[in-house]
Structures are given as C-alpha cells and as structure tokens.
C-alpha cells in the first residue's frame, strides 16, 4: 500500500508544481475551452516564445496537456484525466478536513452545553 501511495505522489507533485505558476494555470484554463495552437496560447502573455515554450514543457511533462505537431503548427489539448487526479486528491483532503471540523464543532458544542448545567 505504501508503494502505491508513493507512485501516486510523483504525478501529483508534478501536477501541482505545474499548476503553481499563474501563467500555466491560465494556459490550462484557456485549454479547458478547447484545443489551441501555441501561437494563440502565447498571445496574452508578455514573454517571448522560448519562455512560453518552457511553460508548455512543464505542463506537458506533468501530463496536464498534450501537444501535437501538424506541419508547422503545434496544437495543445488539456488532459482531463490529469486534472481529475488533482481534483480527486483535493476532494479527499476536503473530506478529511470537513470531518475534522465537524468533530471539533461537536466537541465545542458539547463543552458549551456542559457548562450551562
């Protein structure tokens, strides 16, 4: 079981590293609307194409996007399964923390009702 968790950690580390940058998050957000060529994706950003390509490389290495080259045009697509993995982990964490805060609220209420008697 520990080995399985370690294997899941590496892709999640890569996913969250890729999503840690606002430029890369913006690219993923744009790609959620549909595939787009690199030139179109790079237009809103005040950086050169080589710098932008580094961002795409990080996203591709994390598995969040896939690129395909046809002729001279490289098109990017988001990988919904990779995003689902990140969302799944976040949901697990949310559930854990909601359970903890619920237990804390129950404890505080029991202490408060106990002090009234």
PDB file of N, CA and C in Angstrom:
ATOM      1  N   UNK A   1       0.823  -1.192   0.000  1.00  0.00           N
ATOM      2  CA  UNK A   1       0.000   0.000   0.000  1.00  0.00           C
ATOM      3  C   UNK A   1       0.867   1.255   0.000  1.00  0.00           C
ATOM      4  N   UNK A   2       1.934   1.260   0.764  1.00  0.00           N
ATOM      5  CA  UNK A   2       2.819   2.420   0.810  1.00  0.00           C
ATOM      6  C   UNK A   2       3.431   2.673  -0.562  1.00  0.00           C
ATOM      7  N   UNK A   3       3.826   1.607  -1.253  1.00  0.00           N
ATOM      8  CA  UNK A   3       4.406   1.764  -2.588  1.00  0.00           C
ATOM      9  C   UNK A   3       3.398   2.391  -3.540  1.00  0.00           C
ATOM     10  N   UNK A   4       2.141   1.986  -3.427  1.00  0.00           N
ATOM     11  CA  UNK A   4       1.091   2.541  -4.281  1.00  0.00           C
ATOM     12  C   UNK A   4       0.936   4.041  -4.021  1.00  0.00           C
ATOM     13  N   UNK A   5       0.975   4.457  -2.767  1.00  0.00           N
ATOM     14  CA  UNK A   5       0.830   5.869  -2.429  1.00  0.00           C
ATOM     15  C   UNK A   5       2.013   6.680  -2.955  1.00  0.00           C
ATOM     16  N   UNK A   6       3.208   6.121  -2.868  1.00  0.00           N
ATOM     17  CA  UNK A   6       4.386   6.802  -3.376  1.00  0.00           C
ATOM     18  C   UNK A   6       4.270   6.989  -4.883  1.00  0.00           C
ATOM     19  N   UNK A   7       3.794   5.959  -5.597  1.00  0.00           N
ATOM     20  CA  UNK A   7       3.626   6.063  -7.040  1.00  0.00           C
ATOM     21  C   UNK A   7       2.621   7.151  -7.414  1.00  0.00           C
ATOM     22  N   UNK A   8       1.581   7.342  -6.599  1.00  0.00           N
ATOM     23  CA  UNK A   8       0.610   8.388  -6.871  1.00  0.00           C
ATOM     24  C   UNK A   8       1.160   9.768  -6.545  1.00  0.00           C
ATOM     25  N   UNK A   9       2.073   9.867  -5.588  1.00  0.00           N
ATOM     26  CA  UNK A   9       2.610  11.149  -5.161  1.00  0.00           C
ATOM     27  C   UNK A   9       3.402  11.822  -6.266  1.00  0.00           C
ATOM     28  N   UNK A  10       4.198  11.072  -6.996  1.00  0.00           N
ATOM     29  CA  UNK A  10       5.045  11.672  -8.022  1.00  0.00           C
ATOM     30  C   UNK A  10       4.225  12.411  -9.075  1.00  0.00           C
ATOM     31  N   UNK A  11       3.186  11.789  -9.677  1.00  0.00           N
ATOM     32  CA  UNK A  11       2.398  12.547 -10.646  1.00  0.00           C
ATOM     33  C   UNK A  11       1.690  13.744 -10.014  1.00  0.00           C
ATOM     34  N   UNK A  12       1.182  13.595  -8.793  1.00  0.00           N
ATOM     35  CA  UNK A  12       0.524  14.723  -8.140  1.00  0.00           C
ATOM     36  C   UNK A  12       1.504  15.846  -7.864  1.00  0.00           C
ATOM     37  N   UNK A  13       2.726  15.499  -7.454  1.00  0.00           N
ATOM     38  CA  UNK A  13       3.743  16.532  -7.238  1.00  0.00           C
ATOM     39  C   UNK A  13       3.964  17.314  -8.523  1.00  0.00           C
ATOM     40  N   UNK A  14       4.073  16.608  -9.608  1.00  0.00           N
ATOM     41  CA  UNK A  14       4.296  17.230 -10.901  1.00  0.00           C
ATOM     42  C   UNK A  14       3.098  18.085 -11.319  1.00  0.00           C
ATOM     43  N   UNK A  15       1.893  17.578 -11.093  1.00  0.00           N
ATOM     44  CA  UNK A  15       0.684  18.332 -11.421  1.00  0.00           C
ATOM     45  C   UNK A  15       0.608  19.634 -10.634  1.00  0.00           C
ATOM     46  N   UNK A  16       0.816  19.544  -9.331  1.00  0.00           N
ATOM     47  CA  UNK A  16       0.697  20.745  -8.508  1.00  0.00           C
ATOM     48  C   UNK A  16       1.844  21.716  -8.750  1.00  0.00           C
ATOM     49  N   UNK A  17       3.018  21.185  -9.075  1.00  0.00           N
ATOM     50  CA  UNK A  17       4.131  22.068  -9.459  1.00  0.00           C
ATOM     51  C   UNK A  17       3.754  22.840 -10.719  1.00  0.00           C
ATOM     52  N   UNK A  18       3.186  22.145 -11.694  1.00  0.00           N
ATOM     53  CA  UNK A  18       2.795  22.807 -12.938  1.00  0.00           C
ATOM     54  C   UNK A  18       1.712  23.849 -12.688  1.00  0.00           C
ATOM     55  N   UNK A  19       0.777  23.550 -11.803  1.00  0.00           N
ATOM     56  CA  UNK A  19      -0.321  24.472 -11.531  1.00  0.00           C
ATOM     57  C   UNK A  19       0.068  25.601 -10.578  1.00  0.00           C
ATOM     58  N   UNK A  20       1.267  25.535 -10.022  1.00  0.00           N
ATOM     59  CA  UNK A  20       1.705  26.568  -9.078  1.00  0.00           C
ATOM     60  C   UNK A  20       1.985  27.906  -9.753  1.00  0.00           C
ATOM     61  N   UNK A  21       2.178  27.887 -11.044  1.00  0.00           N
ATOM     62  CA  UNK A  21       2.516  29.111 -11.775  1.00  0.00           C
ATOM     63  C   UNK A  21       1.262  29.717 -12.410  1.00  0.00           C
ATOM     64  N   UNK A  22       1.050  31.035 -12.246  1.00  0.00           N
ATOM     65  CA  UNK A  22      -0.160  31.655 -12.804  1.00  0.00           C
ATOM     66  C   UNK A  22      -0.246  31.587 -14.337  1.00  0.00           C
ATOM     67  N   UNK A  23       0.883  31.652 -15.007  1.00  0.00           N
ATOM     68  CA  UNK A  23       0.864  31.538 -16.475  1.00  0.00           C
ATOM     69  C   UNK A  23       0.370  30.162 -16.891  1.00  0.00           C
ATOM     70  N   UNK A  24       0.874  29.145 -16.231  1.00  0.00           N
ATOM     71  CA  UNK A  24       0.473  27.784 -16.581  1.00  0.00           C
ATOM     72  C   UNK A  24      -0.989  27.531 -16.226  1.00  0.00           C
ATOM     73  N   UNK A  25      -1.455  28.087 -15.091  1.00  0.00           N
ATOM     74  CA  UNK A  25      -2.876  27.949 -14.756  1.00  0.00           C
ATOM     75  C   UNK A  25      -3.743  28.623 -15.812  1.00  0.00           C
ATOM     76  N   UNK A  26      -3.306  29.790 -16.283  1.00  0.00           N
ATOM     77  CA  UNK A  26      -4.064  30.499 -17.321  1.00  0.00           C
ATOM     78  C   UNK A  26      -4.111  29.679 -18.612  1.00  0.00           C
ATOM     79  N   UNK A  27      -3.009  29.040 -18.952  1.00  0.00           N
ATOM     80  CA  UNK A  27      -2.976  28.201 -20.158  1.00  0.00           C
ATOM     81  C   UNK A  27      -3.952  27.037 -20.007  1.00  0.00           C
ATOM     82  N   UNK A  28      -3.934  26.378 -18.859  1.00  0.00           N
ATOM     83  CA  UNK A  28      -4.850  25.255 -18.632  1.00  0.00           C
ATOM     84  C   UNK A  28      -6.298  25.747 -18.694  1.00  0.00           C
ATOM     85  N   UNK A  29      -6.580  26.890 -18.079  1.00  0.00           N
ATOM     86  CA  UNK A  29      -7.938  27.445 -18.130  1.00  0.00           C
ATOM     87  C   UNK A  29      -8.371  27.695 -19.565  1.00  0.00           C
ATOM     88  N   UNK A  30      -7.478  28.246 -20.352  1.00  0.00           N
ATOM     89  CA  UNK A  30      -7.807  28.506 -21.753  1.00  0.00           C
ATOM     90  C   UNK A  30      -8.054  27.200 -22.508  1.00  0.00           C
ATOM     91  N   UNK A  31      -7.230  26.192 -22.236  1.00  0.00           N
ATOM     92  CA  UNK A  31      -7.360  24.922 -22.940  1.00  0.00           C
ATOM     93  C   UNK A  31      -8.608  24.143 -22.522  1.00  0.00           C
ATOM     94  N   UNK A  32      -9.182  24.478 -21.379  1.00  0.00           N
ATOM     95  CA  UNK A  32     -10.434  23.835 -20.986  1.00  0.00           C
ATOM     96  C   UNK A  32     -11.570  24.217 -21.928  1.00  0.00           C
ATOM     97  N   UNK A  33     -11.400  25.309 -22.648  1.00  0.00           N
ATOM     98  CA  UNK A  33     -12.397  25.741 -23.636  1.00  0.00           C
ATOM     99  C   UNK A  33     -12.215  25.016 -24.971  1.00  0.00           C
ATOM    100  N   UNK A  34     -11.062  24.385 -25.150  1.00  0.00           N
ATOM    101  CA  UNK A  34     -10.796  23.662 -26.386  1.00  0.00           C
ATOM    102  C   UNK A  34      -9.332  23.758 -26.776  1.00  0.00           C
ATOM    103  N   UNK A  35      -8.922  22.887 -27.676  1.00  0.00           N
ATOM    104  CA  UNK A  35      -7.536  22.855 -28.150  1.00  0.00           C
ATOM    105  C   UNK A  35      -7.188  24.175 -28.820  1.00  0.00           C
ATOM    106  N   UNK A  36      -5.877  24.511 -28.766  1.00  0.00           N
ATOM    107  CA  UNK A  36      -5.429  25.765 -29.374  1.00  0.00           C
ATOM    108  C   UNK A  36      -3.980  25.635 -29.806  1.00  0.00           C
ATOM    109  N   UNK A  37      -3.616  26.348 -30.873  1.00  0.00           N
ATOM    110  CA  UNK A  37      -2.215  26.356 -31.290  1.00  0.00           C
ATOM    111  C   UNK A  37      -1.369  27.181 -30.324  1.00  0.00           C
ATOM    112  N   UNK A  38      -0.096  26.848 -30.239  1.00  0.00           N
ATOM    113  CA  UNK A  38       0.829  27.516 -29.333  1.00  0.00           C
ATOM    114  C   UNK A  38       0.820  29.024 -29.554  1.00  0.00           C
ATOM    115  N   UNK A  39       0.830  29.449 -30.800  1.00  0.00           N
ATOM    116  CA  UNK A  39       0.859  30.889 -31.090  1.00  0.00           C
ATOM    117  C   UNK A  39      -0.332  31.605 -30.467  1.00  0.00           C
ATOM    118  N   UNK A  40      -1.499  31.024 -30.582  1.00  0.00           N
ATOM    119  CA  UNK A  40      -2.702  31.614 -29.992  1.00  0.00           C
ATOM    120  C   UNK A  40      -2.613  31.626 -28.473  1.00  0.00           C
ATOM    121  N   UNK A  41      -2.118  30.544 -27.897  1.00  0.00           N
ATOM    122  CA  UNK A  41      -1.987  30.458 -26.440  1.00  0.00           C
ATOM    123  C   UNK A  41      -1.006  31.491 -25.888  1.00  0.00           C
ATOM    124  N   UNK A  42       0.047  31.768 -26.640  1.00  0.00           N
ATOM    125  CA  UNK A  42       1.100  32.652 -26.142  1.00  0.00           C
ATOM    126  C   UNK A  42       0.742  34.136 -26.246  1.00  0.00           C
ATOM    127  N   UNK A  43      -0.230  34.488 -27.081  1.00  0.00           N
ATOM    128  CA  UNK A  43      -0.535  35.895 -27.347  1.00  0.00           C
ATOM    129  C   UNK A  43      -0.842  36.748 -26.112  1.00  0.00           C
ATOM    130  N   UNK A  44      -1.592  36.257 -25.131  1.00  0.00           N
ATOM    131  CA  UNK A  44      -1.918  37.125 -23.989  1.00  0.00           C
ATOM    132  C   UNK A  44      -0.751  37.391 -23.024  1.00  0.00           C
ATOM    133  N   UNK A  45       0.346  36.697 -23.199  1.00  0.00           N
ATOM    134  CA  UNK A  45       1.434  36.778 -22.223  1.00  0.00           C
ATOM    135  C   UNK A  45       2.582  37.644 -22.735  1.00  0.00           C
ATOM    136  N   UNK A  46       3.098  38.476 -21.862  1.00  0.00           N
ATOM    137  CA  UNK A  46       4.209  39.376 -22.203  1.00  0.00           C
ATOM    138  C   UNK A  46       5.537  38.653 -22.016  1.00  0.00           C
ATOM    139  N   UNK A  47       5.785  37.676 -22.873  1.00  0.00           N
ATOM    140  CA  UNK A  47       7.048  36.936 -22.826  1.00  0.00           C
ATOM    141  C   UNK A  47       7.336  36.406 -24.215  1.00  0.00           C
ATOM    142  N   UNK A  48       8.584  36.110 -24.428  1.00  0.00           N
ATOM    143  CA  UNK A  48       8.985  35.557 -25.713  1.00  0.00           C
ATOM    144  C   UNK A  48       8.514  34.118 -25.864  1.00  0.00           C
ATOM    145  N   UNK A  49       8.489  33.655 -27.094  1.00  0.00           N
ATOM    146  CA  UNK A  49       8.052  32.294 -27.366  1.00  0.00           C
ATOM    147  C   UNK A  49       8.920  31.243 -26.674  1.00  0.00           C
ATOM    148  N   UNK A  50      10.264  31.417 -26.608  1.00  0.00           N
ATOM    149  CA  UNK A  50      11.063  30.408 -25.893  1.00  0.00           C
ATOM    150  C   UNK A  50      10.672  30.277 -24.416  1.00  0.00           C
ATOM    151  N   UNK A  51      10.399  31.398 -23.758  1.00  0.00           N
ATOM    152  CA  UNK A  51       9.982  31.341 -22.350  1.00  0.00           C
ATOM    153  C   UNK A  51       8.616  30.673 -22.228  1.00  0.00           C
ATOM    154  N   UNK A  52       7.716  31.009 -23.147  1.00  0.00           N
ATOM    155  CA  UNK A  52       6.381  30.408 -23.114  1.00  0.00           C
ATOM    156  C   UNK A  52       6.467  28.902 -23.354  1.00  0.00           C
ATOM    157  N   UNK A  53       7.340  28.492 -24.253  1.00  0.00           N
ATOM    158  CA  UNK A  53       7.503  27.062 -24.530  1.00  0.00           C
ATOM    159  C   UNK A  53       7.990  26.300 -23.299  1.00  0.00           C
ATOM    160  N   UNK A  54       8.774  26.950 -22.447  1.00  0.00           N
ATOM    161  CA  UNK A  54       9.202  26.299 -21.200  1.00  0.00           C
ATOM    162  C   UNK A  54       7.993  26.002 -20.319  1.00  0.00           C
ATOM    163  N   UNK A  55       7.044  26.943 -20.275  1.00  0.00           N
ATOM    164  CA  UNK A  55       5.824  26.702 -19.510  1.00  0.00           C
ATOM    165  C   UNK A  55       5.054  25.517 -20.085  1.00  0.00           C
ATOM    166  N   UNK A  56       4.952  25.472 -21.401  1.00  0.00           N
ATOM    167  CA  UNK A  56       4.255  24.344 -22.034  1.00  0.00           C
ATOM    168  C   UNK A  56       4.976  23.026 -21.759  1.00  0.00           C
ATOM    169  N   UNK A  57       6.294  23.064 -21.721  1.00  0.00           N
ATOM    170  CA  UNK A  57       7.073  21.844 -21.427  1.00  0.00           C
ATOM    171  C   UNK A  57       6.757  21.326 -20.027  1.00  0.00           C
ATOM    172  N   UNK A  58       6.642  22.237 -19.069  1.00  0.00           N
ATOM    173  CA  UNK A  58       6.307  21.833 -17.695  1.00  0.00           C
ATOM    174  C   UNK A  58       4.906  21.218 -17.662  1.00  0.00           C
ATOM    175  N   UNK A  59       3.965  21.872 -18.342  1.00  0.00           N
ATOM    176  CA  UNK A  59       2.599  21.348 -18.380  1.00  0.00           C
ATOM    177  C   UNK A  59       2.546  19.976 -19.050  1.00  0.00           C
ATOM    178  N   UNK A  60       3.298  19.820 -20.120  1.00  0.00           N
ATOM    179  CA  UNK A  60       3.303  18.543 -20.835  1.00  0.00           C
ATOM    180  C   UNK A  60       3.988  17.461 -20.004  1.00  0.00           C
ATOM    181  N   UNK A  61       5.074  17.795 -19.355  1.00  0.00           N
ATOM    182  CA  UNK A  61       5.779  16.810 -18.521  1.00  0.00           C
ATOM    183  C   UNK A  61       4.903  16.348 -17.352  1.00  0.00           C
ATOM    184  N   UNK A  62       4.042  17.231 -16.861  1.00  0.00           N
ATOM    185  CA  UNK A  62       3.162  16.864 -15.748  1.00  0.00           C
ATOM    186  C   UNK A  62       1.979  16.022 -16.221  1.00  0.00           C
ATOM    187  N   UNK A  63       1.742  15.997 -17.524  1.00  0.00           N
ATOM    188  CA  UNK A  63       0.619  15.253 -18.068  1.00  0.00           C
ATOM    189  C   UNK A  63      -0.658  16.073 -18.168  1.00  0.00           C
ATOM    190  N   UNK A  64      -0.598  17.345 -17.789  1.00  0.00           N
ATOM    191  CA  UNK A  64      -1.795  18.179 -17.851  1.00  0.00           C
ATOM    192  C   UNK A  64      -2.211  18.520 -19.274  1.00  0.00           C
ATOM    193  N   UNK A  65      -1.228  18.615 -20.164  1.00  0.00           N
ATOM    194  CA  UNK A  65      -1.561  18.885 -21.562  1.00  0.00           C
ATOM    195  C   UNK A  65      -0.803  17.914 -22.464  1.00  0.00           C
ATOM    196  N   UNK A  66      -1.293  17.804 -23.672  1.00  0.00           N
ATOM    197  CA  UNK A  66      -0.617  17.045 -24.716  1.00  0.00           C
ATOM    198  C   UNK A  66      -0.504  17.966 -25.919  1.00  0.00           C
ATOM    199  N   UNK A  67       0.594  17.842 -26.625  1.00  0.00           N
ATOM    200  CA  UNK A  67       0.765  18.644 -27.833  1.00  0.00           C
ATOM    201  C   UNK A  67       0.906  17.732 -29.033  1.00  0.00           C
ATOM    202  N   UNK A  68       0.495  18.264 -30.159  1.00  0.00           N
ATOM    203  CA  UNK A  68       0.577  17.524 -31.409  1.00  0.00           C
ATOM    204  C   UNK A  68       1.030  18.499 -32.487  1.00  0.00           C
ATOM    205  N   UNK A  69       2.000  18.090 -33.270  1.00  0.00           N
ATOM    206  CA  UNK A  69       2.508  18.962 -34.327  1.00  0.00           C
ATOM    207  C   UNK A  69       2.042  18.442 -35.678  1.00  0.00           C
ATOM    208  N   UNK A  70       1.392  19.336 -36.414  1.00  0.00           N
ATOM    209  CA  UNK A  70       0.985  19.039 -37.790  1.00  0.00           C
ATOM    210  C   UNK A  70       1.564  20.137 -38.666  1.00  0.00           C
ATOM    211  N   UNK A  71       2.484  19.744 -39.504  1.00  0.00           N
ATOM    212  CA  UNK A  71       3.179  20.742 -40.317  1.00  0.00           C
ATOM    213  C   UNK A  71       3.980  21.662 -39.411  1.00  0.00           C
ATOM    214  N   UNK A  72       3.715  22.939 -39.491  1.00  0.00           N
ATOM    215  CA  UNK A  72       4.431  23.911 -38.659  1.00  0.00           C
ATOM    216  C   UNK A  72       3.626  24.355 -37.445  1.00  0.00           C
ATOM    217  N   UNK A  73       2.454  23.785 -37.258  1.00  0.00           N
ATOM    218  CA  UNK A  73       1.567  24.213 -36.170  1.00  0.00           C
ATOM    219  C   UNK A  73       1.553  23.162 -35.064  1.00  0.00           C
ATOM    220  N   UNK A  74       1.869  23.606 -33.853  1.00  0.00           N
ATOM    221  CA  UNK A  74       1.795  22.742 -32.672  1.00  0.00           C
ATOM    222  C   UNK A  74       0.530  23.116 -31.911  1.00  0.00           C
ATOM    223  N   UNK A  75      -0.334  22.121 -31.727  1.00  0.00           N
ATOM    224  CA  UNK A  75      -1.615  22.328 -31.050  1.00  0.00           C
ATOM    225  C   UNK A  75      -1.584  21.659 -29.685  1.00  0.00           C
ATOM    226  N   UNK A  76      -2.148  22.343 -28.704  1.00  0.00           N
ATOM    227  CA  UNK A  76      -2.185  21.833 -27.330  1.00  0.00           C
ATOM    228  C   UNK A  76      -3.607  21.478 -26.937  1.00  0.00           C
ATOM    229  N   UNK A  77      -3.718  20.406 -26.133  1.00  0.00           N
ATOM    230  CA  UNK A  77      -5.005  19.962 -25.590  1.00  0.00           C
ATOM    231  C   UNK A  77      -4.809  19.633 -24.119  1.00  0.00           C
ATOM    232  N   UNK A  78      -5.817  19.946 -23.337  1.00  0.00           N
ATOM    233  CA  UNK A  78      -5.754  19.607 -21.917  1.00  0.00           C
ATOM    234  C   UNK A  78      -6.094  18.127 -21.756  1.00  0.00           C
ATOM    235  N   UNK A  79      -5.503  17.484 -20.759  1.00  0.00           N
ATOM    236  CA  UNK A  79      -5.802  16.092 -20.443  1.00  0.00           C
ATOM    237  C   UNK A  79      -6.721  16.081 -19.223  1.00  0.00           C
ATOM    238  N   UNK A  80      -7.989  15.828 -19.457  1.00  0.00           N
ATOM    239  CA  UNK A  80      -8.983  15.870 -18.391  1.00  0.00           C
ATOM    240  C   UNK A  80      -8.692  14.852 -17.289  1.00  0.00           C
ATOM    241  N   UNK A  81      -8.098  13.727 -17.636  1.00  0.00           N
ATOM    242  CA  UNK A  81      -7.800  12.694 -16.635  1.00  0.00           C
ATOM    243  C   UNK A  81      -6.767  13.199 -15.630  1.00  0.00           C
ATOM    244  N   UNK A  82      -5.791  13.952 -16.096  1.00  0.00           N
ATOM    245  CA  UNK A  82      -4.790  14.503 -15.181  1.00  0.00           C
ATOM    246  C   UNK A  82      -5.426  15.514 -14.235  1.00  0.00           C
ATOM    247  N   UNK A  83      -6.293  16.346 -14.766  1.00  0.00           N
ATOM    248  CA  UNK A  83      -6.999  17.299 -13.901  1.00  0.00           C
ATOM    249  C   UNK A  83      -7.890  16.569 -12.905  1.00  0.00           C
ATOM    250  N   UNK A  84      -8.493  15.488 -13.334  1.00  0.00           N
ATOM    251  CA  UNK A  84      -9.348  14.699 -12.444  1.00  0.00           C
ATOM    252  C   UNK A  84      -8.541  14.105 -11.290  1.00  0.00           C
ATOM    253  N   UNK A  85      -7.299  13.730 -11.553  1.00  0.00           N
ATOM    254  CA  UNK A  85      -6.447  13.188 -10.485  1.00  0.00           C
ATOM    255  C   UNK A  85      -6.194  14.246  -9.417  1.00  0.00           C
ATOM    256  N   UNK A  86      -5.898  15.470  -9.848  1.00  0.00           N
ATOM    257  CA  UNK A  86      -5.684  16.563  -8.899  1.00  0.00           C
ATOM    258  C   UNK A  86      -6.975  16.859  -8.142  1.00  0.00           C
ATOM    259  N   UNK A  87      -8.082  16.890  -8.852  1.00  0.00           N
ATOM    260  CA  UNK A  87      -9.370  17.164  -8.222  1.00  0.00           C
ATOM    261  C   UNK A  87      -9.731  16.070  -7.209  1.00  0.00           C
ATOM    262  N   UNK A  88      -9.432  14.832  -7.546  1.00  0.00           N
ATOM    263  CA  UNK A  88      -9.694  13.725  -6.630  1.00  0.00           C
ATOM    264  C   UNK A  88      -8.916  13.859  -5.339  1.00  0.00           C
ATOM    265  N   UNK A  89      -7.646  14.221  -5.453  1.00  0.00           N
ATOM    266  CA  UNK A  89      -6.822  14.398  -4.259  1.00  0.00           C
ATOM    267  C   UNK A  89      -7.364  15.559  -3.409  1.00  0.00           C
ATOM    268  N   UNK A  90      -7.706  16.660  -4.062  1.00  0.00           N
ATOM    269  CA  UNK A  90      -8.257  17.808  -3.330  1.00  0.00           C
ATOM    270  C   UNK A  90      -9.567  17.443  -2.640  1.00  0.00           C
ATOM    271  N   UNK A  91     -10.404  16.650  -3.288  1.00  0.00           N
ATOM    272  CA  UNK A  91     -11.665  16.231  -2.675  1.00  0.00           C
ATOM    273  C   UNK A  91     -11.411  15.363  -1.448  1.00  0.00           C
ATOM    274  N   UNK A  92     -10.425  14.477  -1.530  1.00  0.00           N
ATOM    275  CA  UNK A  92     -10.076  13.658  -0.367  1.00  0.00           C
ATOM    276  C   UNK A  92      -9.650  14.542   0.801  1.00  0.00           C
ATOM    277  N   UNK A  93      -8.831  15.538   0.518  1.00  0.00           N
ATOM    278  CA  UNK A  93      -8.369  16.446   1.571  1.00  0.00           C
ATOM    279  C   UNK A  93      -9.539  17.245   2.148  1.00  0.00           C
ATOM    280  N   UNK A  94     -10.429  17.702   1.280  1.00  0.00           N
ATOM    281  CA  UNK A  94     -11.602  18.455   1.727  1.00  0.00           C
ATOM    282  C   UNK A  94     -12.448  17.601   2.664  1.00  0.00           C
ATOM    283  N   UNK A  95     -12.653  16.339   2.313  1.00  0.00           N
ATOM    284  CA  UNK A  95     -13.450  15.439   3.142  1.00  0.00           C
ATOM    285  C   UNK A  95     -12.801  15.238   4.503  1.00  0.00           C
ATOM    286  N   UNK A  96     -11.500  15.028   4.514  1.00  0.00           N
ATOM    287  CA  UNK A  96     -10.777  14.844   5.776  1.00  0.00           C
ATOM    288  C   UNK A  96     -10.951  16.071   6.668  1.00  0.00           C
ATOM    289  N   UNK A  97     -10.742  17.252   6.102  1.00  0.00           N
ATOM    290  CA  UNK A  97     -10.820  18.471   6.912  1.00  0.00           C
ATOM    291  C   UNK A  97     -12.246  18.800   7.319  1.00  0.00           C
ATOM    292  N   UNK A  98     -13.225  18.504   6.487  1.00  0.00           N
ATOM    293  CA  UNK A  98     -14.610  18.718   6.889  1.00  0.00           C
ATOM    294  C   UNK A  98     -14.982  17.804   8.049  1.00  0.00           C
ATOM    295  N   UNK A  99     -14.524  16.550   8.003  1.00  0.00           N
ATOM    296  CA  UNK A  99     -14.770  15.615   9.104  1.00  0.00           C
ATOM    297  C   UNK A  99     -14.123  16.134  10.389  1.00  0.00           C
ATOM    298  N   UNK A 100     -12.914  16.638  10.278  1.00  0.00           N
ATOM    299  CA  UNK A 100     -12.216  17.160  11.461  1.00  0.00           C
ATOM    300  C   UNK A 100     -12.924  18.377  12.044  1.00  0.00           C
ATOM    301  N   UNK A 101     -13.336  19.295  11.191  1.00  0.00           N
ATOM    302  CA  UNK A 101     -14.020  20.490  11.705  1.00  0.00           C
ATOM    303  C   UNK A 101     -15.394  20.134  12.265  1.00  0.00           C
ATOM    304  N   UNK A 102     -16.053  19.137  11.682  1.00  0.00           N
ATOM    305  CA  UNK A 102     -17.331  18.685  12.240  1.00  0.00           C
ATOM    306  C   UNK A 102     -17.130  18.117  13.646  1.00  0.00           C
ATOM    307  N   UNK A 103     -16.080  17.309  13.804  1.00  0.00           N
ATOM    308  CA  UNK A 103     -15.795  16.752  15.132  1.00  0.00           C
ATOM    309  C   UNK A 103     -15.443  17.854  16.119  1.00  0.00           C
ATOM    310  N   UNK A 104     -14.684  18.857  15.675  1.00  0.00           N
ATOM    311  CA  UNK A 104     -14.341  19.977  16.545  1.00  0.00           C
ATOM    312  C   UNK A 104     -15.601  20.739  16.944  1.00  0.00           C
ATOM    313  N   UNK A 105     -16.490  20.988  15.999  1.00  0.00           N
ATOM    314  CA  UNK A 105     -17.742  21.689  16.301  1.00  0.00           C
ATOM    315  C   UNK A 105     -18.569  20.893  17.306  1.00  0.00           C
ATOM    316  N   UNK A 106     -18.646  19.577  17.125  1.00  0.00           N
ATOM    317  CA  UNK A 106     -19.376  18.728  18.074  1.00  0.00           C
ATOM    318  C   UNK A 106     -18.759  18.822  19.461  1.00  0.00           C
ATOM    319  N   UNK A 107     -17.443  18.810  19.538  1.00  0.00           N
ATOM    320  CA  UNK A 107     -16.756  18.909  20.823  1.00  0.00           C
ATOM    321  C   UNK A 107     -17.043  20.255  21.489  1.00  0.00           C
ATOM    322  N   UNK A 108     -16.926  21.332  20.733  1.00  0.00           N
ATOM    323  CA  UNK A 108     -17.165  22.665  21.300  1.00  0.00           C
ATOM    324  C   UNK A 108     -18.605  22.783  21.787  1.00  0.00           C
ATOM    325  N   UNK A 109     -19.551  22.255  21.009  1.00  0.00           N
ATOM    326  CA  UNK A 109     -20.943  22.306  21.421  1.00  0.00           C
ATOM    327  C   UNK A 109     -21.176  21.490  22.694  1.00  0.00           C
ATOM    328  N   UNK A 110     -20.503  20.338  22.771  1.00  0.00           N
ATOM    329  CA  UNK A 110     -20.678  19.510  23.995  1.00  0.00           C
ATOM    330  C   UNK A 110     -20.061  20.213  25.210  1.00  0.00           C
ATOM    331  N   UNK A 111     -18.971  20.911  25.029  1.00  0.00           N
ATOM    332  CA  UNK A 111     -18.362  21.649  26.127  1.00  0.00           C
ATOM    333  C   UNK A 111     -19.234  22.830  26.541  1.00  0.00           C
ATOM    334  N   UNK A 112     -19.795  23.483  25.536  1.00  0.00           N
ATOM    335  CA  UNK A 112     -20.650  24.647  25.811  1.00  0.00           C
ATOM    336  C   UNK A 112     -21.932  24.220  26.528  1.00  0.00           C
ATOM    337  N   UNK A 113     -22.552  23.124  26.061  1.00  0.00           N
ATOM    338  CA  UNK A 113     -23.797  22.663  26.706  1.00  0.00           C
ATOM    339  C   UNK A 113     -23.514  22.096  28.081  1.00  0.00           C
ATOM    340  N   UNK A 114     -22.338  21.552  28.291  1.00  0.00           N
ATOM    341  CA  UNK A 114     -21.952  21.031  29.608  1.00  0.00           C
ATOM    342  C   UNK A 114     -21.704  22.122  30.616  1.00  0.00           C
ATOM    343  N   UNK A 115     -21.289  23.305  30.180  1.00  0.00           N
ATOM    344  CA  UNK A 115     -21.003  24.397  31.106  1.00  0.00           C
ATOM    345  C   UNK A 115     -22.263  25.122  31.553  1.00  0.00           C
ATOM    346  N   UNK A 116     -23.402  24.913  30.851  1.00  0.00           N
ATOM    347  CA  UNK A 116     -24.666  25.550  31.205  1.00  0.00           C
ATOM    348  C   UNK A 116     -25.312  24.869  32.393  1.00  0.00           C
ATOM    349  N   UNK A 117     -24.964  23.601  32.652  1.00  0.00           N
ATOM    350  CA  UNK A 117     -25.605  22.863  33.743  1.00  0.00           C
ATOM    351  C   UNK A 117     -24.993  23.108  35.058  1.00  0.00           C
TER     352      UNK A 117
END
